[in-house]
Amino acid sequence: MAASLQQLNLRSVGSPFYLKSASKHSSRPAHIRCAAATPTKRYSITVLPGDGIGPETMSVAKDILKLIGSLEGIEFGFQEMPMGGSALDLTGVPLPDETLSAAKQSDAVLLGAIGGYKWDNNPKHLKPETGLLQLRESLKVFANLRPATILPQLVDSSTLKKEVAEGVDLMVVRELTGGIYFGKPRGIGTNENGEEIGFNTEVYASYEIDRIARVGFETARKRKKKLCSVDKANVLEASMFWRNRVTAIASEYPDVELSHMYVDNAAMQLVRNPKQFDTILTNNIFGDILSDEASMITGSIGMLPSASLGASGPGLFEPIHGSAPDIAGQDKANPLATILSVAMLLKYGLGEENAAKRIENAVLDTLNKGFRTGDIYSAGNKLVGCKEMGEEVLKSVEGQVPAAV
C-alpha cells in the first residue's frame, strides 16, 4: 500500500498541480491544494466522528495523529464537531453552521462515517447524508480520489479468485460536487396525467468536466499513463457531453492512453478482469457505485481511504465505508480505512509525506504480523477488535526508524 499510495501523490511540496480553467468561472488557473503553507508545523484538524462506527475509528485515528505529531515534530490542534445523525440529535440539522465554519477554517477535515437506521425515514433535508453533500459542496472539494489496491497480505480475503485479484492496483477519480446528486430541477411532483413522480437531473457544465478530467489525466500520468473514462454515452446526453469534453482534454496529455467504457460494462469488467484498469475517471454517481465495487475486490470496504480535494481550502478525508450501525459500539469495526485516510490527509492535505509513509508502513507491518479484524479475518491469523488493531498500528508507528521519501 505504501508504494501504491506514493504513486498517487498529485504534486510534491513546492510544485503545484495546476488545473487549467476552461470557463468564465475563473480567469486564473485553478489548482488542487495538496499542501498547507504552515511553516510552523502546527495544523488545525476539524474532526467529524459522525455516527455508527465513526466515533470508534476516529478515536484510533486521533491517537495515530497525536503519536505521529510527537515523532515528526508536528503540533495538531483538534476541533471535534457534530455532523450527520449525531448533529441532527443535538441541533436538529445534519450540518450545523458551527461545524461548517470550523471545517472551512481548518487545515484539513477528517470524517468518520455518517448515517444509520434511526434517521432513514427522515425527510430529505433532515437526513445525515444531506449534511455530507452540503459539506462537500461548501468546501468545493470536486475531486475525489479512491485507491483500490490488493495488499499481498489480504489477497485471500477477496471474493474473487486469487489469480483475478492478485496485483490489482487502481485509482478511481470521481467528480464529487456536480451531476445528478446536485442537479436541478429535482423533486417529487405530479405529471400531466396527475400521477405522482420523482425526478432528478444529471447535468454538467463544461468547466466541471474539464477540471475533473485534468485531475484524472494528471493522476494517470503519475501512475501507468492509462486513463479509462466511464460514462453511458450510448443513452445519456450528459454522458455524450462528458465523453466529448474528456476527449478534447486528452489532446493536452499525449503521453496518457485514453479509453472510454460504458458504466455497465465497467461494472462487469471490474469483476472479470480488474487488472486491466489503472486510473478510472467517472462522474459523481458512477464513481460512487464503481468505487464501492472496486473496494470489495480488495477484500473489504473497511480497508479503503479517500481524499476529496478542491482548488483551494481544506481537503476532506474519510474512509469510504459507511457507519455500519449493526456493529457500532461492539469493537468490531476495522479502523484501517480511517487510519489510511489519515495518511492521505498528511500527504495530500498537509504535504507531510514522511509522516504519511510512517502510517502506510505501519499498516503493512501490522498486517504482516497477522492481526485482522473480522471483515478481513482468515484462518491462521489473530482476530482483534477495532481498539486492539489501532494499538498494534500505534506500536508499529513508534517502532519505526524515521521514514524517508
Protein backbone atom coordinates (compact mmCIF):
# COMPACT_ATOMS: atom_id res chain seq x y z
CA MET A 1 0.00 0.00 0.00
CA ALA A 2 2.81 2.40 0.83
CA ALA A 3 4.34 2.13 -2.61
CA SER A 4 0.96 2.44 -4.26
CA LEU A 5 -0.14 5.46 -2.27
CA GLN A 6 3.16 7.13 -3.01
CA GLN A 7 2.32 6.93 -6.71
CA LEU A 8 -0.96 8.73 -6.12
CA ASN A 9 0.64 11.97 -5.00
CA LEU A 10 -0.53 14.61 -7.47
CA ARG A 11 2.21 17.03 -6.56
CA SER A 12 5.28 17.26 -4.46
CA VAL A 13 5.57 20.06 -1.95
CA GLY A 14 6.56 23.27 -3.66
CA SER A 15 5.47 22.05 -7.09
CA PRO A 16 1.78 22.92 -7.54
CA PHE A 17 -0.50 20.74 -9.59
CA TYR A 18 -2.33 23.23 -11.76
CA LEU A 19 -5.66 22.77 -13.45
CA LYS A 20 -6.28 24.94 -16.46
CA SER A 21 -9.64 26.61 -16.19
CA ALA A 22 -11.94 26.26 -19.18
CA SER A 23 -14.74 28.57 -18.16
CA LYS A 24 -15.61 32.07 -17.20
CA HIS A 25 -15.82 30.96 -13.57
CA SER A 26 -12.14 31.67 -13.16
CA SER A 27 -9.73 33.80 -15.12
CA ARG A 28 -6.72 32.19 -13.45
CA PRO A 29 -5.59 28.56 -13.46
CA ALA A 30 -7.12 26.56 -10.63
CA HIS A 31 -5.03 24.05 -8.75
CA ILE A 32 -5.56 21.25 -6.31
CA ARG A 33 -4.41 22.31 -2.88
CA CYS A 34 -2.32 19.43 -1.61
CA ALA A 35 -0.09 21.12 0.93
CA ALA A 36 -0.79 23.67 3.62
CA ALA A 37 1.58 26.62 3.76
CA THR A 38 2.16 26.38 7.50
CA PRO A 39 5.90 26.63 8.15
CA THR A 40 5.44 26.43 11.94
CA LYS A 41 4.34 22.79 11.68
CA ARG A 42 1.10 23.50 13.52
CA TYR A 43 -2.09 22.29 11.90
CA SER A 44 -5.74 22.62 12.77
CA ILE A 45 -7.81 19.49 12.09
CA THR A 46 -11.60 19.53 12.19
CA VAL A 47 -12.70 16.10 13.38
CA LEU A 48 -16.19 14.86 12.49
CA PRO A 49 -16.70 11.47 14.19
CA GLY A 50 -20.26 11.21 12.92
CA ASP A 51 -22.40 8.14 13.54
CA GLY A 52 -22.24 4.37 13.99
CA ILE A 53 -18.67 3.11 13.99
CA GLY A 54 -17.37 6.61 13.16
CA PRO A 55 -16.53 7.59 16.76
CA GLU A 56 -14.71 4.27 17.33
CA THR A 57 -12.49 4.51 14.27
CA MET A 58 -11.97 8.24 14.82
CA SER A 59 -10.66 7.65 18.33
CA VAL A 60 -7.98 5.41 16.84
CA ALA A 61 -7.21 7.95 14.11
CA LYS A 62 -6.69 10.77 16.60
CA ASP A 63 -4.29 8.61 18.62
CA ILE A 64 -2.33 7.91 15.44
CA LEU A 65 -2.13 11.62 14.58
CA LYS A 66 -1.01 12.53 18.10
CA LEU A 67 1.78 9.95 18.01
CA ILE A 68 2.84 10.95 14.51
CA GLY A 69 2.95 14.56 15.64
CA SER A 70 5.23 13.76 18.57
CA LEU A 71 7.57 11.77 16.32
CA GLU A 72 7.65 14.23 13.43
CA GLY A 73 7.66 17.50 15.37
CA ILE A 74 4.14 18.45 14.30
CA GLU A 75 1.53 20.03 16.55
CA PHE A 76 -2.07 19.11 15.77
CA GLY A 77 -5.00 21.05 17.13
CA PHE A 78 -8.26 19.10 17.04
CA GLN A 79 -11.71 20.62 16.96
CA GLU A 80 -14.36 17.91 17.25
CA MET A 81 -17.72 18.87 15.82
CA PRO A 82 -21.08 17.14 15.31
CA MET A 83 -22.25 16.09 11.87
CA GLY A 84 -24.77 13.71 10.38
CA GLY A 85 -27.21 11.88 12.65
CA SER A 86 -25.40 12.96 15.80
CA ALA A 87 -25.79 16.58 14.72
CA LEU A 88 -29.48 16.00 13.97
CA ASP A 89 -29.98 14.74 17.51
CA LEU A 90 -28.08 17.65 19.01
CA THR A 91 -29.10 20.57 16.82
CA GLY A 92 -31.89 19.45 14.51
CA VAL A 93 -29.81 19.77 11.31
CA PRO A 94 -27.24 17.39 9.75
CA LEU A 95 -24.59 20.08 9.18
CA PRO A 96 -24.70 22.87 11.80
CA ASP A 97 -23.32 26.28 10.81
CA GLU A 98 -20.71 25.99 13.55
CA THR A 99 -19.45 22.71 12.11
CA LEU A 100 -19.17 24.10 8.61
CA SER A 101 -17.41 27.23 9.87
CA ALA A 102 -14.87 25.15 11.79
CA ALA A 103 -14.26 22.96 8.74
CA LYS A 104 -13.64 25.94 6.45
CA GLN A 105 -11.16 27.49 8.89
CA SER A 106 -9.11 24.34 9.41
CA ASP A 107 -6.15 22.93 7.51
CA ALA A 108 -7.91 19.62 6.87
CA VAL A 109 -11.14 17.84 7.72
CA LEU A 110 -11.25 14.22 8.92
CA LEU A 111 -14.62 12.47 8.77
CA GLY A 112 -15.58 9.14 10.35
CA ALA A 113 -18.93 7.98 8.97
CA ILE A 114 -22.50 9.24 8.89
CA GLY A 115 -25.98 7.76 8.77
CA GLY A 116 -27.94 4.97 10.37
CA TYR A 117 -31.29 3.23 10.56
CA LYS A 118 -32.51 5.75 13.13
CA TRP A 119 -32.71 8.53 10.56
CA ASP A 120 -33.64 6.55 7.44
CA ASN A 121 -37.23 7.76 7.40
CA ASN A 122 -36.40 11.43 7.92
CA PRO A 123 -37.36 13.88 5.18
CA LYS A 124 -34.51 14.50 2.74
CA HIS A 125 -33.34 17.78 4.26
CA LEU A 126 -33.06 16.05 7.64
CA LYS A 127 -31.08 13.01 6.50
CA PRO A 128 -27.45 12.64 7.64
CA GLU A 129 -26.34 12.17 4.00
CA THR A 130 -27.67 15.62 3.12
CA GLY A 131 -25.16 17.08 5.54
CA LEU A 132 -22.33 15.28 3.77
CA LEU A 133 -23.40 16.57 0.37
CA GLN A 134 -23.66 20.08 1.82
CA LEU A 135 -20.17 19.79 3.31
CA ARG A 136 -18.61 18.66 0.03
CA GLU A 137 -20.36 21.42 -1.88
CA SER A 138 -19.44 24.12 0.66
CA LEU A 139 -15.77 23.08 0.77
CA LYS A 140 -15.76 22.90 -3.06
CA VAL A 141 -13.93 19.57 -2.97
CA PHE A 142 -14.72 18.48 -6.50
CA ALA A 143 -12.06 15.76 -6.95
CA ASN A 144 -12.47 12.52 -5.02
CA LEU A 145 -9.55 10.07 -5.11
CA ARG A 146 -10.33 6.49 -4.14
CA PRO A 147 -7.49 3.96 -4.38
CA ALA A 148 -8.25 0.24 -4.52
CA THR A 149 -5.16 -1.89 -4.06
CA ILE A 150 -4.87 -5.59 -3.27
CA LEU A 151 -2.36 -5.93 -0.47
CA PRO A 152 -0.42 -9.20 -0.72
CA GLN A 153 -1.39 -9.98 2.88
CA LEU A 154 -5.10 -9.79 2.04
CA VAL A 155 -5.34 -11.36 -1.40
CA ASP A 156 -7.16 -14.36 0.09
CA SER A 157 -9.76 -12.03 1.61
CA SER A 158 -11.03 -11.03 -1.82
CA THR A 159 -14.19 -12.74 -3.01
CA LEU A 160 -12.56 -13.09 -6.44
CA LYS A 161 -10.22 -15.90 -7.41
CA LYS A 162 -6.65 -15.26 -6.38
CA GLU A 163 -5.41 -15.13 -9.97
CA VAL A 164 -8.01 -12.45 -10.75
CA ALA A 165 -7.49 -10.29 -7.67
CA GLU A 166 -3.74 -10.55 -7.17
CA GLY A 167 -1.90 -7.44 -8.33
CA VAL A 168 -4.93 -5.15 -8.62
CA ASP A 169 -3.87 -1.53 -8.11
CA LEU A 170 -6.28 1.06 -9.42
CA MET A 171 -7.49 4.56 -8.65
CA VAL A 172 -11.00 5.90 -9.11
CA VAL A 173 -11.12 9.65 -9.77
CA ARG A 174 -14.69 10.69 -9.06
CA GLU A 175 -16.29 14.08 -9.73
CA LEU A 176 -17.82 14.98 -6.40
CA THR A 177 -19.82 18.21 -6.48
CA GLY A 178 -21.88 18.00 -9.67
CA GLY A 179 -24.08 15.62 -11.60
CA ILE A 180 -27.34 14.04 -10.51
CA TYR A 181 -26.65 14.49 -6.80
CA PHE A 182 -26.77 18.27 -7.16
CA GLY A 183 -28.53 18.89 -10.49
CA LYS A 184 -31.75 20.87 -10.79
CA PRO A 185 -34.66 20.56 -11.32
CA ARG A 186 -35.23 17.82 -8.79
CA GLY A 187 -38.05 16.82 -6.50
CA ILE A 188 -41.31 14.96 -6.15
CA GLY A 189 -44.27 16.23 -8.12
CA THR A 190 -47.12 15.36 -10.43
CA ASN A 191 -47.03 14.73 -14.17
CA GLU A 192 -49.56 15.76 -16.82
CA ASN A 193 -51.66 12.70 -16.03
CA GLY A 194 -51.90 13.60 -12.36
CA GLU A 195 -49.55 10.77 -11.34
CA GLU A 196 -47.01 11.35 -8.59
CA ILE A 197 -43.42 11.30 -9.87
CA GLY A 198 -39.89 11.70 -8.53
CA PHE A 199 -37.22 13.31 -10.68
CA ASN A 200 -33.54 14.26 -10.65
CA THR A 201 -31.32 15.91 -13.23
CA GLU A 202 -27.90 14.74 -14.41
CA VAL A 203 -26.22 17.94 -15.52
CA TYR A 204 -22.61 19.02 -16.00
CA ALA A 205 -21.13 22.28 -17.21
CA SER A 206 -18.04 22.12 -19.39
CA TYR A 207 -15.79 23.61 -16.71
CA GLU A 208 -16.85 20.90 -14.23
CA ILE A 209 -15.92 18.12 -16.63
CA ASP A 210 -12.72 19.79 -17.77
CA ARG A 211 -11.31 20.27 -14.29
CA ILE A 212 -12.00 16.70 -13.12
CA ALA A 213 -10.71 15.35 -16.43
CA ARG A 214 -7.41 17.14 -15.84
CA VAL A 215 -7.20 15.61 -12.37
CA GLY A 216 -7.79 12.23 -13.98
CA PHE A 217 -5.09 12.73 -16.61
CA GLU A 218 -2.61 14.09 -14.06
CA THR A 219 -3.28 11.13 -11.78
CA ALA A 220 -2.82 8.68 -14.66
CA ARG A 221 0.41 10.44 -15.63
CA LYS A 222 1.77 9.72 -12.13
CA ARG A 223 0.78 6.05 -12.44
CA LYS A 224 0.82 3.86 -15.57
CA LYS A 225 -0.37 6.52 -18.01
CA LYS A 226 -3.68 4.76 -18.69
CA LEU A 227 -7.00 6.54 -18.15
CA CYS A 228 -10.40 4.91 -18.65
CA SER A 229 -13.29 7.38 -18.69
CA VAL A 230 -16.58 5.75 -17.70
CA ASP A 231 -19.93 7.06 -18.96
CA LYS A 232 -23.24 5.98 -20.51
CA ALA A 233 -22.82 7.85 -23.78
CA ASN A 234 -24.95 5.40 -25.73
CA VAL A 235 -28.04 6.59 -23.85
CA LEU A 236 -27.49 9.79 -21.87
CA GLU A 237 -26.88 13.21 -23.40
CA ALA A 238 -24.99 14.29 -20.29
CA SER A 239 -22.63 11.35 -20.86
CA MET A 240 -22.26 12.20 -24.55
CA PHE A 241 -21.19 15.68 -23.48
CA TRP A 242 -18.87 14.18 -20.82
CA ARG A 243 -17.17 11.96 -23.41
CA ASN A 244 -16.71 14.85 -25.86
CA ARG A 245 -15.12 17.08 -23.21
CA VAL A 246 -12.82 14.34 -21.88
CA THR A 247 -11.71 13.52 -25.43
CA ALA A 248 -10.94 17.19 -26.06
CA ILE A 249 -8.86 17.46 -22.88
CA ALA A 250 -6.91 14.35 -23.92
CA SER A 251 -5.05 16.41 -26.52
CA GLU A 252 -3.24 18.13 -23.62
CA TYR A 253 -1.92 14.77 -22.43
CA PRO A 254 -0.50 12.91 -25.44
CA ASP A 255 1.53 10.67 -23.11
CA VAL A 256 -1.62 9.26 -21.47
CA GLU A 257 -3.60 6.50 -23.18
CA LEU A 258 -7.32 7.34 -23.02
CA SER A 259 -10.10 4.79 -23.38
CA HIS A 260 -13.85 5.01 -22.86
CA MET A 261 -16.18 2.44 -21.36
CA TYR A 262 -19.90 2.31 -20.65
CA VAL A 263 -20.64 2.08 -16.95
CA ASP A 264 -22.48 -1.26 -17.16
CA ASN A 265 -19.51 -2.81 -18.95
CA ALA A 266 -17.10 -1.22 -16.48
CA ALA A 267 -19.00 -2.80 -13.59
CA MET A 268 -18.71 -6.18 -15.28
CA GLN A 269 -15.03 -5.75 -16.21
CA LEU A 270 -14.11 -4.82 -12.62
CA VAL A 271 -15.21 -8.30 -11.61
CA ARG A 272 -14.00 -10.09 -14.74
CA ASN A 273 -10.53 -8.56 -15.11
CA PRO A 274 -9.82 -5.68 -12.70
CA LYS A 275 -6.11 -5.61 -13.55
CA GLN A 276 -6.94 -4.05 -16.94
CA PHE A 277 -7.66 -0.78 -15.13
CA ASP A 278 -5.19 1.73 -13.76
CA THR A 279 -6.96 5.09 -13.40
CA ILE A 280 -10.74 5.35 -13.80
CA LEU A 281 -12.40 8.72 -14.38
CA THR A 282 -16.11 8.97 -13.59
CA ASN A 283 -18.95 11.33 -12.86
CA ASN A 284 -20.45 11.56 -9.39
CA ILE A 285 -22.99 8.74 -9.35
CA PHE A 286 -20.97 6.23 -11.40
CA GLY A 287 -17.91 6.89 -9.24
CA ASP A 288 -19.94 6.33 -6.08
CA ILE A 289 -21.05 2.90 -7.31
CA LEU A 290 -17.88 1.70 -9.03
CA SER A 291 -15.52 2.68 -6.22
CA ASP A 292 -17.58 0.66 -3.74
CA GLU A 293 -17.47 -2.29 -6.12
CA ALA A 294 -13.71 -1.88 -6.52
CA SER A 295 -13.30 -1.83 -2.75
CA MET A 296 -14.67 -5.34 -2.44
CA ILE A 297 -12.05 -6.63 -4.87
CA THR A 298 -9.54 -5.76 -2.17
CA GLY A 299 -11.34 -7.90 0.39
CA SER A 300 -13.22 -5.34 2.45
CA ILE A 301 -14.68 -1.88 2.17
CA GLY A 302 -13.16 -1.38 5.61
CA MET A 303 -9.69 -1.09 4.07
CA LEU A 304 -10.05 1.84 1.71
CA PRO A 305 -9.47 5.54 2.34
CA SER A 306 -10.37 8.54 0.22
CA ALA A 307 -9.28 12.13 -0.32
CA SER A 308 -11.56 14.89 -1.58
CA LEU A 309 -9.70 17.94 -2.84
CA GLY A 310 -10.58 21.33 -4.24
CA ALA A 311 -8.83 24.25 -5.89
CA SER A 312 -8.29 25.89 -2.51
CA GLY A 313 -9.16 25.46 1.13
CA PRO A 314 -9.05 22.33 3.28
CA GLY A 315 -9.45 18.84 1.88
CA LEU A 316 -11.91 16.29 3.23
CA PHE A 317 -10.55 12.86 4.15
CA GLU A 318 -12.72 9.88 5.01
CA PRO A 319 -12.94 6.10 4.76
CA ILE A 320 -15.32 5.00 2.03
CA HIS A 321 -17.21 2.59 4.27
CA GLY A 322 -20.49 3.55 5.90
CA SER A 323 -21.47 3.87 9.53
CA ALA A 324 -22.25 0.13 9.96
CA PRO A 325 -24.81 0.69 12.73
CA ASP A 326 -25.26 -3.07 13.14
CA ILE A 327 -21.77 -3.36 14.70
CA ALA A 328 -21.48 0.11 16.25
CA GLY A 329 -20.20 0.12 19.82
CA GLN A 330 -19.14 -3.54 19.69
CA ASP A 331 -15.41 -3.01 19.00
CA LYS A 332 -15.75 -4.93 15.72
CA ALA A 333 -15.04 -2.13 13.24
CA ASN A 334 -11.97 -2.16 11.01
CA PRO A 335 -10.12 1.14 11.66
CA LEU A 336 -7.58 0.71 8.85
CA ALA A 337 -9.54 2.68 6.25
CA THR A 338 -9.73 5.62 8.65
CA ILE A 339 -6.04 5.23 9.53
CA LEU A 340 -5.13 5.24 5.84
CA SER A 341 -7.37 8.29 5.38
CA VAL A 342 -5.15 9.97 7.98
CA ALA A 343 -2.16 9.07 5.79
CA MET A 344 -3.88 10.68 2.79
CA LEU A 345 -4.66 13.74 4.94
CA LEU A 346 -1.00 14.08 5.84
CA LYS A 347 0.19 13.58 2.26
CA TYR A 348 -2.42 15.46 0.24
CA GLY A 349 -3.79 17.86 2.81
CA LEU A 350 -0.64 18.91 4.63
CA GLY A 351 2.27 17.83 2.45
CA GLU A 352 3.73 15.78 5.33
CA GLU A 353 4.91 12.82 3.27
CA ASN A 354 7.32 11.39 5.85
CA ALA A 355 4.51 11.21 8.38
CA ALA A 356 2.16 9.66 5.83
CA LYS A 357 4.70 7.00 4.91
CA ARG A 358 5.12 6.07 8.57
CA ILE A 359 1.42 5.24 8.73
CA GLU A 360 1.36 3.33 5.44
CA ASN A 361 4.33 1.23 6.54
CA ALA A 362 2.77 0.64 9.96
CA VAL A 363 -0.43 -0.70 8.40
CA LEU A 364 1.57 -3.12 6.26
CA ASP A 365 3.65 -4.19 9.25
CA THR A 366 0.55 -4.81 11.37
CA LEU A 367 -0.99 -6.96 8.64
CA ASN A 368 2.32 -8.81 8.20
CA LYS A 369 2.13 -9.72 11.88
CA GLY A 370 -1.21 -11.38 11.24
CA PHE A 371 -3.61 -9.04 13.02
CA ARG A 372 -7.07 -8.98 11.44
CA THR A 373 -10.47 -7.53 12.23
CA GLY A 374 -13.48 -9.69 11.45
CA ASP A 375 -14.06 -8.36 7.93
CA ILE A 376 -10.60 -9.44 6.74
CA TYR A 377 -10.04 -12.42 9.02
CA SER A 378 -8.88 -15.76 7.69
CA ALA A 379 -7.68 -18.90 9.43
CA GLY A 380 -4.20 -18.70 10.89
CA ASN A 381 -4.39 -15.01 11.75
CA LYS A 382 -5.23 -13.27 15.03
CA LEU A 383 -8.74 -11.85 15.31
CA VAL A 384 -8.74 -8.45 17.02
CA GLY A 385 -11.20 -5.63 17.55
CA CYS A 386 -11.07 -2.01 16.49
CA LYS A 387 -9.21 -0.84 19.58
CA GLU A 388 -6.57 -3.56 19.53
CA MET A 389 -5.95 -3.13 15.81
CA GLY A 390 -5.34 0.55 16.45
CA GLU A 391 -2.96 -0.25 19.31
CA GLU A 392 -0.95 -2.57 17.07
CA VAL A 393 -0.64 0.11 14.39
CA LEU A 394 0.49 2.57 17.07
CA LYS A 395 3.18 0.11 18.22
CA SER A 396 4.38 -0.26 14.65
CA VAL A 397 4.49 3.50 14.07
CA GLU A 398 6.51 4.02 17.23
CA GLY A 399 8.89 1.18 16.42
CA GLN A 400 9.90 2.53 13.01
CA VAL A 401 13.04 4.42 12.20
CA PRO A 402 12.20 7.85 10.73
CA ALA A 403 10.56 7.38 7.34
CA ALA A 404 12.27 8.61 4.22
CA VAL A 405 10.57 9.62 0.98
